């Protein structure tokens, strides 16, 4: 009888695991959403309606032998996953790929509806304030400014340098130059006294004041920082090893510490690297390879965390990046590598 594998979460790591083991195990992927959401492209989809439907890809073609259950995990323990519907899934191997949660623009909570609402708000707004000059804030600023030239966009961050001072000065300088060319105003080393009194994502005039007394007037704002790692679904055995931030400690083989048949990938684990879609997908591949090795017999694969790297799109024809294997990427190279957000690759992976 084939081994059973339950994968909890259908994001980048989860689909990689499920697809890779479909030929050897009875795979069940548990995911509450109806479709895979290609979140890497969601900021483009919020500013360009032509992308709205593209980033939602049905799970129908992902598995040939296995199945996808549209449900939520309520209690995950070694050897068993209980679902919110009351269904119990027994499993020889469990993979936690539950990702992280947060408000848009970090995460897409209500799918197409959120994208349409955000596009209409951006179109109607006379000025936009973005809090946070990390990758999300900078990419969102670039997308907005490229879609609506001349619309005032201000980015505020308490850090003294873009991207928290990470990566090379060449990259930070080029990002700043392109944003300036798009008309985006970036205030670094600045912090608001209080958040605007209007809800994030809602068009309503407000004035926000920084700690040094500067007033910013706009009528739409977003918090481009802050995500949490859900862990309420973890049973007692896994909760016992959970870290305070909700992540699970894993071995070099991506097995949860103390649990040889439970794996965690992506945002769910504590690997020391930037949490990116690329890293999650690669972790899924390594976890799947190790489960295959445990089933068939053979050596386990050690996961090597990616060195820090980033590729930022700043509108359809702009952007910059730095990755260890390639070095600095200008706007042309960035557009070549990330301009389509690898949409075709993920459609192929999901059998679309």
C-alpha atoms as a PDB file:
ATOM      1  CA  UNK A   1       0.000   0.000   0.000  1.00  0.00           C
ATOM      2  CA  UNK A   2       1.309   3.431  -0.912  1.00  0.00           C
ATOM      3  CA  UNK A   3       2.445   5.802   1.806  1.00  0.00           C
ATOM      4  CA  UNK A   4       0.076   8.644   2.640  1.00  0.00           C
ATOM      5  CA  UNK A   5       1.196  12.262   2.670  1.00  0.00           C
ATOM      6  CA  UNK A   6      -0.930  15.170   3.873  1.00  0.00           C
ATOM      7  CA  UNK A   7       0.268  18.619   2.798  1.00  0.00           C
ATOM      8  CA  UNK A   8      -1.325  21.471   4.746  1.00  0.00           C
ATOM      9  CA  UNK A   9      -1.324  24.639   2.650  1.00  0.00           C
ATOM     10  CA  UNK A  10      -1.433  25.161  -1.114  1.00  0.00           C
ATOM     11  CA  UNK A  11       1.041  27.997  -1.551  1.00  0.00           C
ATOM     12  CA  UNK A  12       4.428  27.883  -3.250  1.00  0.00           C
ATOM     13  CA  UNK A  13       5.935  25.293  -0.912  1.00  0.00           C
ATOM     14  CA  UNK A  14       2.812  23.148  -0.672  1.00  0.00           C
ATOM     15  CA  UNK A  15       2.244  22.741  -4.395  1.00  0.00           C
ATOM     16  CA  UNK A  16       5.913  21.854  -4.922  1.00  0.00           C
ATOM     17  CA  UNK A  17       5.723  19.063  -2.338  1.00  0.00           C
ATOM     18  CA  UNK A  18       2.392  17.703  -3.541  1.00  0.00           C
ATOM     19  CA  UNK A  19       3.346  17.638  -7.223  1.00  0.00           C
ATOM     20  CA  UNK A  20       6.739  16.021  -6.565  1.00  0.00           C
ATOM     21  CA  UNK A  21       5.253  13.130  -4.544  1.00  0.00           C
ATOM     22  CA  UNK A  22       2.142  12.490  -6.627  1.00  0.00           C
ATOM     23  CA  UNK A  23       3.736   9.560  -8.448  1.00  0.00           C
ATOM     24  CA  UNK A  24       4.866   7.659  -5.360  1.00  0.00           C
ATOM     25  CA  UNK A  25       2.418   8.428  -2.536  1.00  0.00           C
ATOM     26  CA  UNK A  26      -1.249   8.974  -1.844  1.00  0.00           C
ATOM     27  CA  UNK A  27      -1.121  12.764  -1.549  1.00  0.00           C
ATOM     28  CA  UNK A  28      -3.819  14.959  -0.042  1.00  0.00           C
ATOM     29  CA  UNK A  29      -3.358  18.732  -0.272  1.00  0.00           C
ATOM     30  CA  UNK A  30      -5.502  20.678   2.217  1.00  0.00           C
ATOM     31  CA  UNK A  31      -6.207  24.256   1.159  1.00  0.00           C
ATOM     32  CA  UNK A  32      -9.227  26.468   1.946  1.00  0.00           C
ATOM     33  CA  UNK A  33      -8.882  28.666  -1.165  1.00  0.00           C
ATOM     34  CA  UNK A  34     -10.518  27.609  -4.398  1.00  0.00           C
ATOM     35  CA  UNK A  35      -7.448  28.543  -6.431  1.00  0.00           C
ATOM     36  CA  UNK A  36      -3.721  28.970  -6.077  1.00  0.00           C
ATOM     37  CA  UNK A  37      -2.883  32.674  -5.740  1.00  0.00           C
ATOM     38  CA  UNK A  38       0.306  33.812  -7.464  1.00  0.00           C
ATOM     39  CA  UNK A  39       0.994  36.473  -4.831  1.00  0.00           C
ATOM     40  CA  UNK A  40       4.297  37.492  -6.419  1.00  0.00           C
ATOM     41  CA  UNK A  41       2.226  39.260  -9.107  1.00  0.00           C
ATOM     42  CA  UNK A  42      -0.563  40.632  -6.911  1.00  0.00           C
ATOM     43  CA  UNK A  43       0.742  44.222  -6.821  1.00  0.00           C
ATOM     44  CA  UNK A  44       0.724  44.315 -10.624  1.00  0.00           C
ATOM     45  CA  UNK A  45      -2.792  42.851 -10.558  1.00  0.00           C
ATOM     46  CA  UNK A  46      -3.948  45.601  -8.182  1.00  0.00           C
ATOM     47  CA  UNK A  47      -2.808  48.311 -10.584  1.00  0.00           C
ATOM     48  CA  UNK A  48      -3.461  46.579 -13.930  1.00  0.00           C
ATOM     49  CA  UNK A  49      -6.863  44.834 -14.270  1.00  0.00           C
ATOM     50  CA  UNK A  50      -5.487  42.757 -17.156  1.00  0.00           C
ATOM     51  CA  UNK A  51      -3.634  40.741 -14.502  1.00  0.00           C
ATOM     52  CA  UNK A  52      -6.559  40.255 -12.123  1.00  0.00           C
ATOM     53  CA  UNK A  53      -7.679  36.864 -13.378  1.00  0.00           C
ATOM     54  CA  UNK A  54      -4.212  35.666 -14.372  1.00  0.00           C
ATOM     55  CA  UNK A  55      -2.903  35.263 -10.832  1.00  0.00           C
ATOM     56  CA  UNK A  56      -5.662  32.841  -9.780  1.00  0.00           C
ATOM     57  CA  UNK A  57      -4.922  29.321 -11.018  1.00  0.00           C
ATOM     58  CA  UNK A  58      -7.180  26.376 -10.241  1.00  0.00           C
ATOM     59  CA  UNK A  59      -5.724  23.351  -8.467  1.00  0.00           C
ATOM     60  CA  UNK A  60      -7.564  20.913 -10.753  1.00  0.00           C
ATOM     61  CA  UNK A  61      -4.505  19.969 -12.792  1.00  0.00           C
ATOM     62  CA  UNK A  62      -1.933  19.806  -9.990  1.00  0.00           C
ATOM     63  CA  UNK A  63      -2.302  16.130  -9.071  1.00  0.00           C
ATOM     64  CA  UNK A  64      -2.982  13.040 -11.151  1.00  0.00           C
ATOM     65  CA  UNK A  65      -3.293  10.426  -8.397  1.00  0.00           C
ATOM     66  CA  UNK A  66      -3.771  12.620  -5.353  1.00  0.00           C
ATOM     67  CA  UNK A  67      -6.521  15.016  -4.347  1.00  0.00           C
ATOM     68  CA  UNK A  68      -7.010  18.594  -3.207  1.00  0.00           C
ATOM     69  CA  UNK A  69      -9.451  19.130  -0.335  1.00  0.00           C
ATOM     70  CA  UNK A  70     -10.896  22.603   0.065  1.00  0.00           C
ATOM     71  CA  UNK A  71     -10.836  22.675   3.844  1.00  0.00           C
ATOM     72  CA  UNK A  72      -8.870  24.023   6.809  1.00  0.00           C
ATOM     73  CA  UNK A  73      -6.649  22.145   9.213  1.00  0.00           C
ATOM     74  CA  UNK A  74      -7.999  22.366  12.753  1.00  0.00           C
ATOM     75  CA  UNK A  75      -5.576  20.046  14.565  1.00  0.00           C
ATOM     76  CA  UNK A  76      -2.267  18.862  13.109  1.00  0.00           C
ATOM     77  CA  UNK A  77      -0.245  16.228  14.897  1.00  0.00           C
ATOM     78  CA  UNK A  78       2.300  13.597  13.841  1.00  0.00           C
ATOM     79  CA  UNK A  79       0.453  10.967  11.822  1.00  0.00           C
ATOM     80  CA  UNK A  80      -2.884  12.770  11.705  1.00  0.00           C
ATOM     81  CA  UNK A  81      -4.620  15.934  10.506  1.00  0.00           C
ATOM     82  CA  UNK A  82      -8.132  16.829  11.666  1.00  0.00           C
ATOM     83  CA  UNK A  83     -10.002  19.254   9.414  1.00  0.00           C
ATOM     84  CA  UNK A  84     -12.488  21.999  10.265  1.00  0.00           C
ATOM     85  CA  UNK A  85     -15.184  20.002   8.457  1.00  0.00           C
ATOM     86  CA  UNK A  86     -14.723  17.123  10.901  1.00  0.00           C
ATOM     87  CA  UNK A  87     -12.806  14.911   8.477  1.00  0.00           C
ATOM     88  CA  UNK A  88      -9.840  13.003   9.898  1.00  0.00           C
ATOM     89  CA  UNK A  89      -6.836  12.332   7.665  1.00  0.00           C
ATOM     90  CA  UNK A  90      -4.325   9.714   8.764  1.00  0.00           C
ATOM     91  CA  UNK A  91      -0.876  10.315   7.333  1.00  0.00           C
ATOM     92  CA  UNK A  92       2.462   8.571   7.213  1.00  0.00           C
ATOM     93  CA  UNK A  93       4.006  11.971   6.534  1.00  0.00           C
ATOM     94  CA  UNK A  94       2.733  15.481   7.258  1.00  0.00           C
ATOM     95  CA  UNK A  95       4.049  18.624   5.561  1.00  0.00           C
ATOM     96  CA  UNK A  96       3.186  22.024   7.003  1.00  0.00           C
ATOM     97  CA  UNK A  97       3.198  24.695   4.296  1.00  0.00           C
ATOM     98  CA  UNK A  98       0.764  27.092   5.936  1.00  0.00           C
ATOM     99  CA  UNK A  99       2.494  30.348   5.009  1.00  0.00           C
ATOM    100  CA  UNK A 100       1.801  33.623   6.765  1.00  0.00           C
ATOM    101  CA  UNK A 101      -1.146  35.971   7.105  1.00  0.00           C
ATOM    102  CA  UNK A 102      -1.500  39.736   6.900  1.00  0.00           C
ATOM    103  CA  UNK A 103      -3.423  42.566   5.341  1.00  0.00           C
ATOM    104  CA  UNK A 104      -3.105  43.612   1.699  1.00  0.00           C
ATOM    105  CA  UNK A 105      -0.657  44.425   0.125  1.00  0.00           C
ATOM    106  CA  UNK A 106       1.255  41.688   1.955  1.00  0.00           C
ATOM    107  CA  UNK A 107      -1.436  39.044   1.533  1.00  0.00           C
ATOM    108  CA  UNK A 108      -4.572  38.796  -0.576  1.00  0.00           C
ATOM    109  CA  UNK A 109      -7.358  38.023   1.885  1.00  0.00           C
ATOM    110  CA  UNK A 110     -10.468  38.252  -0.316  1.00  0.00           C
ATOM    111  CA  UNK A 111      -9.103  37.433  -3.748  1.00  0.00           C
ATOM    112  CA  UNK A 112     -10.432  39.149  -6.847  1.00  0.00           C
ATOM    113  CA  UNK A 113     -12.754  41.346  -4.788  1.00  0.00           C
ATOM    114  CA  UNK A 114      -9.815  42.840  -2.906  1.00  0.00           C
ATOM    115  CA  UNK A 115      -7.922  43.500  -6.131  1.00  0.00           C
ATOM    116  CA  UNK A 116     -10.894  45.229  -7.752  1.00  0.00           C
ATOM    117  CA  UNK A 117     -11.565  47.328  -4.652  1.00  0.00           C
ATOM    118  CA  UNK A 118      -7.906  48.293  -4.405  1.00  0.00           C
ATOM    119  CA  UNK A 119      -7.717  49.235  -8.087  1.00  0.00           C
ATOM    120  CA  UNK A 120     -10.787  51.459  -7.794  1.00  0.00           C
ATOM    121  CA  UNK A 121      -9.411  53.085  -4.641  1.00  0.00           C
ATOM    122  CA  UNK A 122      -6.050  53.750  -6.285  1.00  0.00           C
ATOM    123  CA  UNK A 123      -7.717  55.140  -9.389  1.00  0.00           C
ATOM    124  CA  UNK A 124      -9.887  57.507  -7.336  1.00  0.00           C
ATOM    125  CA  UNK A 125      -7.234  58.614  -4.857  1.00  0.00           C
ATOM    126  CA  UNK A 126      -5.586  62.000  -5.227  1.00  0.00           C
ATOM    127  CA  UNK A 127      -2.560  60.924  -3.174  1.00  0.00           C
ATOM    128  CA  UNK A 128      -1.253  57.657  -1.690  1.00  0.00           C
ATOM    129  CA  UNK A 129       0.778  57.065   1.475  1.00  0.00           C
ATOM    130  CA  UNK A 130       2.654  53.776   1.908  1.00  0.00           C
ATOM    131  CA  UNK A 131       4.151  52.860   5.268  1.00  0.00           C
ATOM    132  CA  UNK A 132       7.256  50.719   4.904  1.00  0.00           C
ATOM    133  CA  UNK A 133      10.198  50.937   2.489  1.00  0.00           C
ATOM    134  CA  UNK A 134      10.855  47.233   2.262  1.00  0.00           C
ATOM    135  CA  UNK A 135      10.363  45.219  -0.897  1.00  0.00           C
ATOM    136  CA  UNK A 136       6.556  45.334  -0.728  1.00  0.00           C
ATOM    137  CA  UNK A 137       6.330  49.086  -0.166  1.00  0.00           C
ATOM    138  CA  UNK A 138       8.848  49.921  -2.876  1.00  0.00           C
ATOM    139  CA  UNK A 139       7.304  47.614  -5.475  1.00  0.00           C
ATOM    140  CA  UNK A 140       3.810  48.885  -4.705  1.00  0.00           C
ATOM    141  CA  UNK A 141       4.995  52.488  -5.013  1.00  0.00           C
ATOM    142  CA  UNK A 142       6.562  51.743  -8.376  1.00  0.00           C
ATOM    143  CA  UNK A 143       3.464  49.978  -9.682  1.00  0.00           C
ATOM    144  CA  UNK A 144       1.148  52.811  -8.591  1.00  0.00           C
ATOM    145  CA  UNK A 145       3.356  55.563 -10.010  1.00  0.00           C
ATOM    146  CA  UNK A 146       3.778  53.731 -13.321  1.00  0.00           C
ATOM    147  CA  UNK A 147       0.038  53.086 -13.663  1.00  0.00           C
ATOM    148  CA  UNK A 148      -1.020  56.637 -12.755  1.00  0.00           C
ATOM    149  CA  UNK A 149       1.792  59.043 -13.715  1.00  0.00           C
ATOM    150  CA  UNK A 150       1.654  62.233 -11.704  1.00  0.00           C
ATOM    151  CA  UNK A 151      -0.358  60.787  -8.811  1.00  0.00           C
ATOM    152  CA  UNK A 152       1.522  61.714  -5.602  1.00  0.00           C
ATOM    153  CA  UNK A 153       2.933  58.647  -3.856  1.00  0.00           C
ATOM    154  CA  UNK A 154       4.845  58.952  -0.574  1.00  0.00           C
ATOM    155  CA  UNK A 155       6.726  56.135   1.173  1.00  0.00           C
ATOM    156  CA  UNK A 156       7.607  56.540   4.856  1.00  0.00           C
ATOM    157  CA  UNK A 157       9.952  54.309   6.849  1.00  0.00           C
ATOM    158  CA  UNK A 158      11.811  54.793  10.150  1.00  0.00           C
ATOM    159  CA  UNK A 159      14.879  52.985   8.801  1.00  0.00           C
ATOM    160  CA  UNK A 160      17.664  55.271   7.579  1.00  0.00           C
ATOM    161  CA  UNK A 161      18.161  53.346   4.302  1.00  0.00           C
ATOM    162  CA  UNK A 162      16.013  51.637   1.683  1.00  0.00           C
ATOM    163  CA  UNK A 163      15.419  47.930   2.231  1.00  0.00           C
ATOM    164  CA  UNK A 164      16.627  48.312   5.796  1.00  0.00           C
ATOM    165  CA  UNK A 165      20.163  48.847   4.572  1.00  0.00           C
ATOM    166  CA  UNK A 166      20.387  45.308   3.214  1.00  0.00           C
ATOM    167  CA  UNK A 167      22.046  44.467  -0.108  1.00  0.00           C
ATOM    168  CA  UNK A 168      24.446  46.690  -1.984  1.00  0.00           C
ATOM    169  CA  UNK A 169      24.676  50.472  -2.124  1.00  0.00           C
ATOM    170  CA  UNK A 170      24.511  50.182  -5.934  1.00  0.00           C
ATOM    171  CA  UNK A 171      21.091  48.542  -5.701  1.00  0.00           C
ATOM    172  CA  UNK A 172      19.720  51.019  -3.176  1.00  0.00           C
ATOM    173  CA  UNK A 173      20.992  53.949  -5.214  1.00  0.00           C
ATOM    174  CA  UNK A 174      19.418  52.642  -8.412  1.00  0.00           C
ATOM    175  CA  UNK A 175      16.069  51.945  -6.731  1.00  0.00           C
ATOM    176  CA  UNK A 176      16.052  55.460  -5.285  1.00  0.00           C
ATOM    177  CA  UNK A 177      16.908  56.927  -8.701  1.00  0.00           C
ATOM    178  CA  UNK A 178      14.096  55.073 -10.464  1.00  0.00           C
ATOM    179  CA  UNK A 179      11.529  55.942  -7.792  1.00  0.00           C
ATOM    180  CA  UNK A 180      12.526  59.583  -8.019  1.00  0.00           C
ATOM    181  CA  UNK A 181      12.085  59.401 -11.783  1.00  0.00           C
ATOM    182  CA  UNK A 182       8.587  58.036 -11.259  1.00  0.00           C
ATOM    183  CA  UNK A 183       7.787  60.918  -8.928  1.00  0.00           C
ATOM    184  CA  UNK A 184       7.690  58.789  -5.771  1.00  0.00           C
ATOM    185  CA  UNK A 185       8.710  60.641  -2.624  1.00  0.00           C
ATOM    186  CA  UNK A 186      10.594  58.489  -0.094  1.00  0.00           C
ATOM    187  CA  UNK A 187      10.978  59.695   3.497  1.00  0.00           C
ATOM    188  CA  UNK A 188      13.558  57.632   5.380  1.00  0.00           C
ATOM    189  CA  UNK A 189      14.319  57.948   9.070  1.00  0.00           C
ATOM    190  CA  UNK A 190      10.734  59.120   9.497  1.00  0.00           C
ATOM    191  CA  UNK A 191       7.879  57.743  11.560  1.00  0.00           C
ATOM    192  CA  UNK A 192       4.275  58.848  11.907  1.00  0.00           C
ATOM    193  CA  UNK A 193       3.130  60.090  15.314  1.00  0.00           C
ATOM    194  CA  UNK A 194      -0.084  58.122  14.851  1.00  0.00           C
ATOM    195  CA  UNK A 195      -1.598  56.100  12.021  1.00  0.00           C
ATOM    196  CA  UNK A 196      -4.154  57.894   9.815  1.00  0.00           C
ATOM    197  CA  UNK A 197      -7.633  57.901  11.346  1.00  0.00           C
ATOM    198  CA  UNK A 198      -9.173  56.454   8.188  1.00  0.00           C
ATOM    199  CA  UNK A 199      -9.061  52.673   7.528  1.00  0.00           C
ATOM    200  CA  UNK A 200      -6.240  51.403   5.337  1.00  0.00           C
ATOM    201  CA  UNK A 201      -7.358  50.946   1.731  1.00  0.00           C
ATOM    202  CA  UNK A 202     -10.281  53.375   2.062  1.00  0.00           C
ATOM    203  CA  UNK A 203     -10.356  56.640   0.113  1.00  0.00           C
ATOM    204  CA  UNK A 204     -10.869  59.475   2.573  1.00  0.00           C
ATOM    205  CA  UNK A 205      -8.764  62.631   3.024  1.00  0.00           C
ATOM    206  CA  UNK A 206      -6.392  62.694   5.999  1.00  0.00           C
ATOM    207  CA  UNK A 207      -3.292  64.472   7.224  1.00  0.00           C
ATOM    208  CA  UNK A 208      -0.539  62.471   8.920  1.00  0.00           C
ATOM    209  CA  UNK A 209       2.324  64.032  10.858  1.00  0.00           C
ATOM    210  CA  UNK A 210       5.815  62.600  11.221  1.00  0.00           C
ATOM    211  CA  UNK A 211       7.735  62.673  14.486  1.00  0.00           C
ATOM    212  CA  UNK A 212       9.804  65.609  13.221  1.00  0.00           C
ATOM    213  CA  UNK A 213       6.695  67.647  12.451  1.00  0.00           C
ATOM    214  CA  UNK A 214       6.234  67.174   8.707  1.00  0.00           C
ATOM    215  CA  UNK A 215       2.617  66.864   7.555  1.00  0.00           C
ATOM    216  CA  UNK A 216       1.672  64.462   4.751  1.00  0.00           C
ATOM    217  CA  UNK A 217      -1.711  64.967   3.099  1.00  0.00           C
ATOM    218  CA  UNK A 218      -3.279  62.109   1.136  1.00  0.00           C
ATOM    219  CA  UNK A 219      -6.565  60.232   0.906  1.00  0.00           C
ATOM    220  CA  UNK A 220      -5.432  56.595   0.697  1.00  0.00           C
ATOM    221  CA  UNK A 221      -2.872  54.639   2.691  1.00  0.00           C
ATOM    222  CA  UNK A 222      -1.565  51.103   3.128  1.00  0.00           C
ATOM    223  CA  UNK A 223       0.664  49.440   5.720  1.00  0.00           C
ATOM    224  CA  UNK A 224       3.340  47.597   3.736  1.00  0.00           C
ATOM    225  CA  UNK A 225       4.782  45.713   6.672  1.00  0.00           C
ATOM    226  CA  UNK A 226       3.785  43.113   9.200  1.00  0.00           C
ATOM    227  CA  UNK A 227       2.765  39.491   8.739  1.00  0.00           C
ATOM    228  CA  UNK A 228       2.071  36.756  11.265  1.00  0.00           C
ATOM    229  CA  UNK A 229       2.602  33.015  11.092  1.00  0.00           C
ATOM    230  CA  UNK A 230      -0.591  31.107  11.989  1.00  0.00           C
ATOM    231  CA  UNK A 231      -0.102  28.305  14.479  1.00  0.00           C
ATOM    232  CA  UNK A 232      -3.508  27.734  16.087  1.00  0.00           C
ATOM    233  CA  UNK A 233      -3.882  24.535  14.063  1.00  0.00           C
ATOM    234  CA  UNK A 234      -0.875  22.886  15.737  1.00  0.00           C
ATOM    235  CA  UNK A 235      -1.642  20.071  18.156  1.00  0.00           C
ATOM    236  CA  UNK A 236       0.074  19.675  21.509  1.00  0.00           C
ATOM    237  CA  UNK A 237       3.153  17.826  20.238  1.00  0.00           C
ATOM    238  CA  UNK A 238       3.965  20.454  17.617  1.00  0.00           C
ATOM    239  CA  UNK A 239       2.942  23.417  19.758  1.00  0.00           C
ATOM    240  CA  UNK A 240       5.505  22.248  22.302  1.00  0.00           C
ATOM    241  CA  UNK A 241       8.371  23.020  19.898  1.00  0.00           C
ATOM    242  CA  UNK A 242       6.823  26.098  18.258  1.00  0.00           C
ATOM    243  CA  UNK A 243       8.852  29.286  18.548  1.00  0.00           C
ATOM    244  CA  UNK A 244       7.317  32.500  19.966  1.00  0.00           C
ATOM    245  CA  UNK A 245       6.852  33.903  16.436  1.00  0.00           C
ATOM    246  CA  UNK A 246       4.812  30.844  15.442  1.00  0.00           C
ATOM    247  CA  UNK A 247       7.506  29.247  13.282  1.00  0.00           C
ATOM    248  CA  UNK A 248       8.604  25.651  13.740  1.00  0.00           C
ATOM    249  CA  UNK A 249      12.272  24.764  14.197  1.00  0.00           C
ATOM    250  CA  UNK A 250      13.495  22.364  11.536  1.00  0.00           C
ATOM    251  CA  UNK A 251      16.549  20.185  10.994  1.00  0.00           C
ATOM    252  CA  UNK A 252      18.846  20.441   8.005  1.00  0.00           C
ATOM    253  CA  UNK A 253      16.459  18.023   6.262  1.00  0.00           C
ATOM    254  CA  UNK A 254      13.423  20.300   6.958  1.00  0.00           C
ATOM    255  CA  UNK A 255      11.969  17.874   9.492  1.00  0.00           C
ATOM    256  CA  UNK A 256      10.338  19.523  12.496  1.00  0.00           C
ATOM    257  CA  UNK A 257      12.638  19.161  15.488  1.00  0.00           C
ATOM    258  CA  UNK A 258      11.838  15.934  17.323  1.00  0.00           C
ATOM    259  CA  UNK A 259       9.392  14.690  14.674  1.00  0.00           C
ATOM    260  CA  UNK A 260      10.998  12.656  11.895  1.00  0.00           C
ATOM    261  CA  UNK A 261       7.858  12.350   9.768  1.00  0.00           C
ATOM    262  CA  UNK A 262       6.648  15.951  10.027  1.00  0.00           C
ATOM    263  CA  UNK A 263       8.157  18.549   7.693  1.00  0.00           C
ATOM    264  CA  UNK A 264       7.710  22.334   7.588  1.00  0.00           C
ATOM    265  CA  UNK A 265       8.468  24.541   4.589  1.00  0.00           C
ATOM    266  CA  UNK A 266       8.307  28.218   3.699  1.00  0.00           C
ATOM    267  CA  UNK A 267       7.066  30.728   6.243  1.00  0.00           C
ATOM    268  CA  UNK A 268       6.104  27.890   8.610  1.00  0.00           C
ATOM    269  CA  UNK A 269       9.732  27.124   9.498  1.00  0.00           C
ATOM    270  CA  UNK A 270      12.689  28.964  10.998  1.00  0.00           C
ATOM    271  CA  UNK A 271      15.301  28.604   8.251  1.00  0.00           C
ATOM    272  CA  UNK A 272      17.690  31.601   8.376  1.00  0.00           C
ATOM    273  CA  UNK A 273      16.915  33.297   5.074  1.00  0.00           C
ATOM    274  CA  UNK A 274      14.548  35.763   3.475  1.00  0.00           C
ATOM    275  CA  UNK A 275      11.092  34.227   3.216  1.00  0.00           C
ATOM    276  CA  UNK A 276      10.409  34.320  -0.504  1.00  0.00           C
ATOM    277  CA  UNK A 277       8.332  32.329  -2.988  1.00  0.00           C
ATOM    278  CA  UNK A 278      11.563  31.054  -4.516  1.00  0.00           C
ATOM    279  CA  UNK A 279      12.810  29.746  -1.177  1.00  0.00           C
ATOM    280  CA  UNK A 280       9.457  28.164  -0.320  1.00  0.00           C
ATOM    281  CA  UNK A 281       9.309  26.343  -3.638  1.00  0.00           C
ATOM    282  CA  UNK A 282      12.855  25.024  -3.277  1.00  0.00           C
ATOM    283  CA  UNK A 283      12.156  23.907   0.286  1.00  0.00           C
ATOM    284  CA  UNK A 284       9.118  22.049  -0.995  1.00  0.00           C
ATOM    285  CA  UNK A 285      11.302  20.229  -3.500  1.00  0.00           C
ATOM    286  CA  UNK A 286      13.847  19.269  -0.818  1.00  0.00           C
ATOM    287  CA  UNK A 287      11.153  18.114   1.627  1.00  0.00           C
ATOM    288  CA  UNK A 288       9.595  15.998  -1.124  1.00  0.00           C
ATOM    289  CA  UNK A 289      12.983  14.493  -2.000  1.00  0.00           C
ATOM    290  CA  UNK A 290      13.503  13.542   1.638  1.00  0.00           C
ATOM    291  CA  UNK A 291      10.062  11.980   1.979  1.00  0.00           C
ATOM    292  CA  UNK A 292      10.777  10.011  -1.198  1.00  0.00           C
ATOM    293  CA  UNK A 293      14.087   8.872   0.318  1.00  0.00           C
ATOM    294  CA  UNK A 294      12.323   7.739   3.504  1.00  0.00           C
ATOM    295  CA  UNK A 295       9.770   5.799   1.444  1.00  0.00           C
ATOM    296  CA  UNK A 296      12.183   4.200  -1.025  1.00  0.00           C
ATOM    297  CA  UNK A 297      15.331   4.124   1.055  1.00  0.00           C
ATOM    298  CA  UNK A 298      18.306   6.304   0.287  1.00  0.00           C
ATOM    299  CA  UNK A 299      20.230   9.319   1.551  1.00  0.00           C
ATOM    300  CA  UNK A 300      18.486  12.453   2.722  1.00  0.00           C
ATOM    301  CA  UNK A 301      19.115  15.831   1.098  1.00  0.00           C
ATOM    302  CA  UNK A 302      20.403  18.709   3.213  1.00  0.00           C
ATOM    303  CA  UNK A 303      18.669  22.017   2.628  1.00  0.00           C
ATOM    304  CA  UNK A 304      21.036  24.893   1.942  1.00  0.00           C
ATOM    305  CA  UNK A 305      19.378  28.282   2.620  1.00  0.00           C
ATOM    306  CA  UNK A 306      19.535  30.790  -0.207  1.00  0.00           C
ATOM    307  CA  UNK A 307      21.927  33.701   0.284  1.00  0.00           C
ATOM    308  CA  UNK A 308      20.089  37.004   0.510  1.00  0.00           C
ATOM    309  CA  UNK A 309      18.937  38.347  -2.830  1.00  0.00           C
ATOM    310  CA  UNK A 310      16.123  40.513  -4.155  1.00  0.00           C
ATOM    311  CA  UNK A 311      14.614  41.474  -7.504  1.00  0.00           C
ATOM    312  CA  UNK A 312      12.252  44.454  -7.358  1.00  0.00           C
ATOM    313  CA  UNK A 313       9.846  45.407 -10.127  1.00  0.00           C
ATOM    314  CA  UNK A 314       9.112  49.129 -10.231  1.00  0.00           C
ATOM    315  CA  UNK A 315       6.341  49.132 -12.792  1.00  0.00           C
ATOM    316  CA  UNK A 316       6.192  47.121 -16.035  1.00  0.00           C
ATOM    317  CA  UNK A 317       9.440  48.510 -17.444  1.00  0.00           C
ATOM    318  CA  UNK A 318      11.417  49.357 -14.318  1.00  0.00           C
ATOM    319  CA  UNK A 319      13.160  47.683 -11.435  1.00  0.00           C
ATOM    320  CA  UNK A 320      16.484  46.563 -10.071  1.00  0.00           C
ATOM    321  CA  UNK A 321      17.903  43.619  -8.191  1.00  0.00           C
ATOM    322  CA  UNK A 322      20.853  41.869  -6.707  1.00  0.00           C
ATOM    323  CA  UNK A 323      21.290  38.103  -6.498  1.00  0.00           C
ATOM    324  CA  UNK A 324      24.524  36.352  -5.529  1.00  0.00           C
ATOM    325  CA  UNK A 325      24.792  34.218  -8.666  1.00  0.00           C
ATOM    326  CA  UNK A 326      24.231  37.148 -11.054  1.00  0.00           C
ATOM    327  CA  UNK A 327      25.196  40.281  -9.143  1.00  0.00           C
ATOM    328  CA  UNK A 328      23.477  43.599  -9.856  1.00  0.00           C
ATOM    329  CA  UNK A 329      20.472  43.679 -12.212  1.00  0.00           C
ATOM    330  CA  UNK A 330      19.411  46.862 -13.957  1.00  0.00           C
ATOM    331  CA  UNK A 331      15.894  47.648 -15.205  1.00  0.00           C
ATOM    332  CA  UNK A 332      16.362  45.710 -18.443  1.00  0.00           C
ATOM    333  CA  UNK A 333      17.636  42.584 -16.694  1.00  0.00           C
ATOM    334  CA  UNK A 334      14.960  42.850 -13.993  1.00  0.00           C
ATOM    335  CA  UNK A 335      12.210  43.045 -16.591  1.00  0.00           C
ATOM    336  CA  UNK A 336      13.687  40.044 -18.395  1.00  0.00           C
ATOM    337  CA  UNK A 337      13.833  37.941 -15.209  1.00  0.00           C
ATOM    338  CA  UNK A 338      10.663  39.060 -13.462  1.00  0.00           C
ATOM    339  CA  UNK A 339       8.552  40.956 -15.989  1.00  0.00           C
ATOM    340  CA  UNK A 340       6.107  38.062 -16.428  1.00  0.00           C
ATOM    341  CA  UNK A 341       6.434  36.934 -12.786  1.00  0.00           C
ATOM    342  CA  UNK A 342       7.120  33.410 -14.141  1.00  0.00           C
ATOM    343  CA  UNK A 343       3.385  33.018 -14.650  1.00  0.00           C
ATOM    344  CA  UNK A 344       3.819  30.388 -17.373  1.00  0.00           C
ATOM    345  CA  UNK A 345       5.999  28.255 -15.060  1.00  0.00           C
ATOM    346  CA  UNK A 346       3.380  28.183 -12.327  1.00  0.00           C
ATOM    347  CA  UNK A 347       0.561  27.496 -14.771  1.00  0.00           C
ATOM    348  CA  UNK A 348       2.566  24.516 -16.011  1.00  0.00           C
ATOM    349  CA  UNK A 349       3.263  23.285 -12.481  1.00  0.00           C
ATOM    350  CA  UNK A 350      -0.440  23.446 -11.672  1.00  0.00           C
ATOM    351  CA  UNK A 351      -1.394  21.740 -14.920  1.00  0.00           C
ATOM    352  CA  UNK A 352      -3.336  24.752 -16.196  1.00  0.00           C
END
